[in-house]
């Protein structure tokens, strides 16, 4: 029998991609709220409607930096091991990132937050 497991800050999962292992943290709504807040700004359009303006580049870097905590056997084109830095994380192939996002829950959490237009917070 499988149980649903709550996401905890100190848990780690290993994502094996080819001969490499990426050490990751799972992503939850609670984590997303903390990470995403500095990259979101509430604004009004010309009709007075509120919307959320998001710095997508900054947000994507912050999410990637949070979920990938390290790796083993990730190499450059000379077969030399590379350090786990934000620059090298951003250089991972899209196929690897897709698998990492799927296994850590990033895809699910980010899809739930897709609404750009909000109501006036004073009306709620």
Protein backbone atom coordinates (compact mmCIF):
# COMPACT_ATOMS: atom_id res chain seq x y z
CA UNK A 1 0.00 0.00 0.00
CA UNK A 2 1.36 3.42 -0.96
CA UNK A 3 0.89 6.46 1.24
CA UNK A 4 0.83 10.12 0.30
CA UNK A 5 3.97 11.75 1.70
CA UNK A 6 4.04 15.39 2.80
CA UNK A 7 6.84 17.47 1.26
CA UNK A 8 9.43 18.32 3.91
CA UNK A 9 12.24 20.88 3.63
CA UNK A 10 15.05 18.44 4.43
CA UNK A 11 14.00 15.59 2.14
CA UNK A 12 16.00 14.79 -0.97
CA UNK A 13 15.30 12.71 -4.04
CA UNK A 14 17.77 11.39 -6.58
CA UNK A 15 16.83 11.78 -10.25
CA UNK A 16 18.87 9.46 -12.46
CA UNK A 17 19.32 10.72 -16.01
CA UNK A 18 21.51 8.57 -18.23
CA UNK A 19 24.70 7.97 -16.18
CA UNK A 20 24.24 11.08 -14.03
CA UNK A 21 22.39 11.58 -10.76
CA UNK A 22 20.77 14.91 -9.90
CA UNK A 23 20.12 15.52 -6.17
CA UNK A 24 16.85 17.41 -5.77
CA UNK A 25 14.25 18.74 -3.36
CA UNK A 26 10.56 18.30 -4.02
CA UNK A 27 8.54 21.44 -4.74
CA UNK A 28 5.28 22.22 -2.95
CA UNK A 29 2.77 25.05 -2.88
CA UNK A 30 4.24 26.23 0.45
CA UNK A 31 7.74 26.35 -1.02
CA UNK A 32 6.45 28.03 -4.18
CA UNK A 33 4.86 30.83 -2.14
CA UNK A 34 8.20 31.58 -0.45
CA UNK A 35 10.31 31.41 -3.61
CA UNK A 36 7.92 33.17 -5.97
CA UNK A 37 6.88 36.15 -3.83
CA UNK A 38 9.92 38.38 -4.65
CA UNK A 39 9.33 37.86 -8.38
CA UNK A 40 5.65 38.85 -8.44
CA UNK A 41 4.23 42.39 -8.45
CA UNK A 42 0.56 43.34 -8.24
CA UNK A 43 -0.36 46.02 -10.74
CA UNK A 44 -3.44 47.72 -12.16
CA UNK A 45 -4.14 47.93 -15.86
CA UNK A 46 -5.76 50.96 -17.53
CA UNK A 47 -9.25 49.63 -16.78
CA UNK A 48 -8.40 49.36 -13.07
CA UNK A 49 -8.19 45.55 -13.05
CA UNK A 50 -5.50 43.97 -10.93
CA UNK A 51 -3.01 41.55 -12.46
CA UNK A 52 0.21 39.90 -11.40
CA UNK A 53 3.38 40.87 -13.26
CA UNK A 54 5.97 38.08 -12.97
CA UNK A 55 9.73 38.25 -13.59
CA UNK A 56 9.75 34.82 -15.30
CA UNK A 57 13.52 34.69 -15.87
CA UNK A 58 14.32 35.47 -12.26
CA UNK A 59 11.63 33.10 -11.02
CA UNK A 60 12.78 30.23 -13.24
CA UNK A 61 16.38 30.64 -12.01
CA UNK A 62 15.27 30.70 -8.38
CA UNK A 63 13.12 27.57 -8.77
CA UNK A 64 15.90 25.71 -10.56
CA UNK A 65 18.44 26.78 -7.95
CA UNK A 66 16.13 25.62 -5.15
CA UNK A 67 15.24 22.20 -6.49
CA UNK A 68 18.70 21.09 -7.67
CA UNK A 69 20.98 20.79 -4.64
CA UNK A 70 23.87 18.94 -6.28
CA UNK A 71 24.80 16.24 -8.74
CA UNK A 72 27.11 13.42 -9.58
CA UNK A 73 28.72 12.68 -12.97
CA UNK A 74 27.43 15.70 -14.89
CA UNK A 75 30.10 16.52 -17.47
CA UNK A 76 30.97 19.05 -20.16
CA UNK A 77 31.74 18.17 -23.79
CA UNK A 78 35.31 17.20 -22.76
CA UNK A 79 33.90 14.59 -20.31
CA UNK A 80 35.11 16.66 -17.34
CA UNK A 81 32.88 16.86 -14.24
CA UNK A 82 31.32 20.30 -13.83
CA UNK A 83 30.41 22.00 -10.55
CA UNK A 84 26.77 22.43 -9.59
CA UNK A 85 26.28 26.19 -9.97
CA UNK A 86 23.33 28.25 -11.21
CA UNK A 87 25.17 28.74 -14.52
CA UNK A 88 25.66 25.00 -15.06
CA UNK A 89 22.11 24.24 -13.89
CA UNK A 90 20.85 26.63 -16.58
CA UNK A 91 23.00 24.78 -19.15
CA UNK A 92 21.31 21.41 -18.54
CA UNK A 93 19.44 20.04 -21.57
CA UNK A 94 15.72 20.80 -21.71
CA UNK A 95 14.93 17.07 -21.68
CA UNK A 96 16.76 16.70 -18.35
CA UNK A 97 15.01 19.73 -16.87
CA UNK A 98 11.61 18.38 -17.94
CA UNK A 99 12.29 15.12 -16.14
CA UNK A 100 13.57 16.93 -13.03
CA UNK A 101 10.55 19.25 -12.96
CA UNK A 102 8.18 16.31 -13.32
CA UNK A 103 9.80 14.27 -10.51
CA UNK A 104 10.05 17.21 -8.09
CA UNK A 105 6.51 18.51 -8.60
CA UNK A 106 7.42 21.81 -10.24
CA UNK A 107 5.18 21.17 -13.27
CA UNK A 108 2.15 20.46 -11.11
CA UNK A 109 2.59 23.43 -8.76
CA UNK A 110 3.34 25.93 -11.56
CA UNK A 111 0.28 24.82 -13.60
CA UNK A 112 -1.97 25.47 -10.59
CA UNK A 113 -0.74 29.07 -10.43
CA UNK A 114 -1.37 29.95 -14.08
CA UNK A 115 -4.04 32.64 -13.54
CA UNK A 116 -2.73 36.13 -14.38
CA UNK A 117 -5.79 38.28 -13.68
CA UNK A 118 -7.00 38.64 -10.11
CA UNK A 119 -9.88 40.47 -8.55
CA UNK A 120 -9.38 43.54 -6.46
CA UNK A 121 -8.16 42.30 -3.05
CA UNK A 122 -10.39 44.88 -1.34
CA UNK A 123 -13.50 43.22 -2.82
CA UNK A 124 -12.70 39.79 -1.35
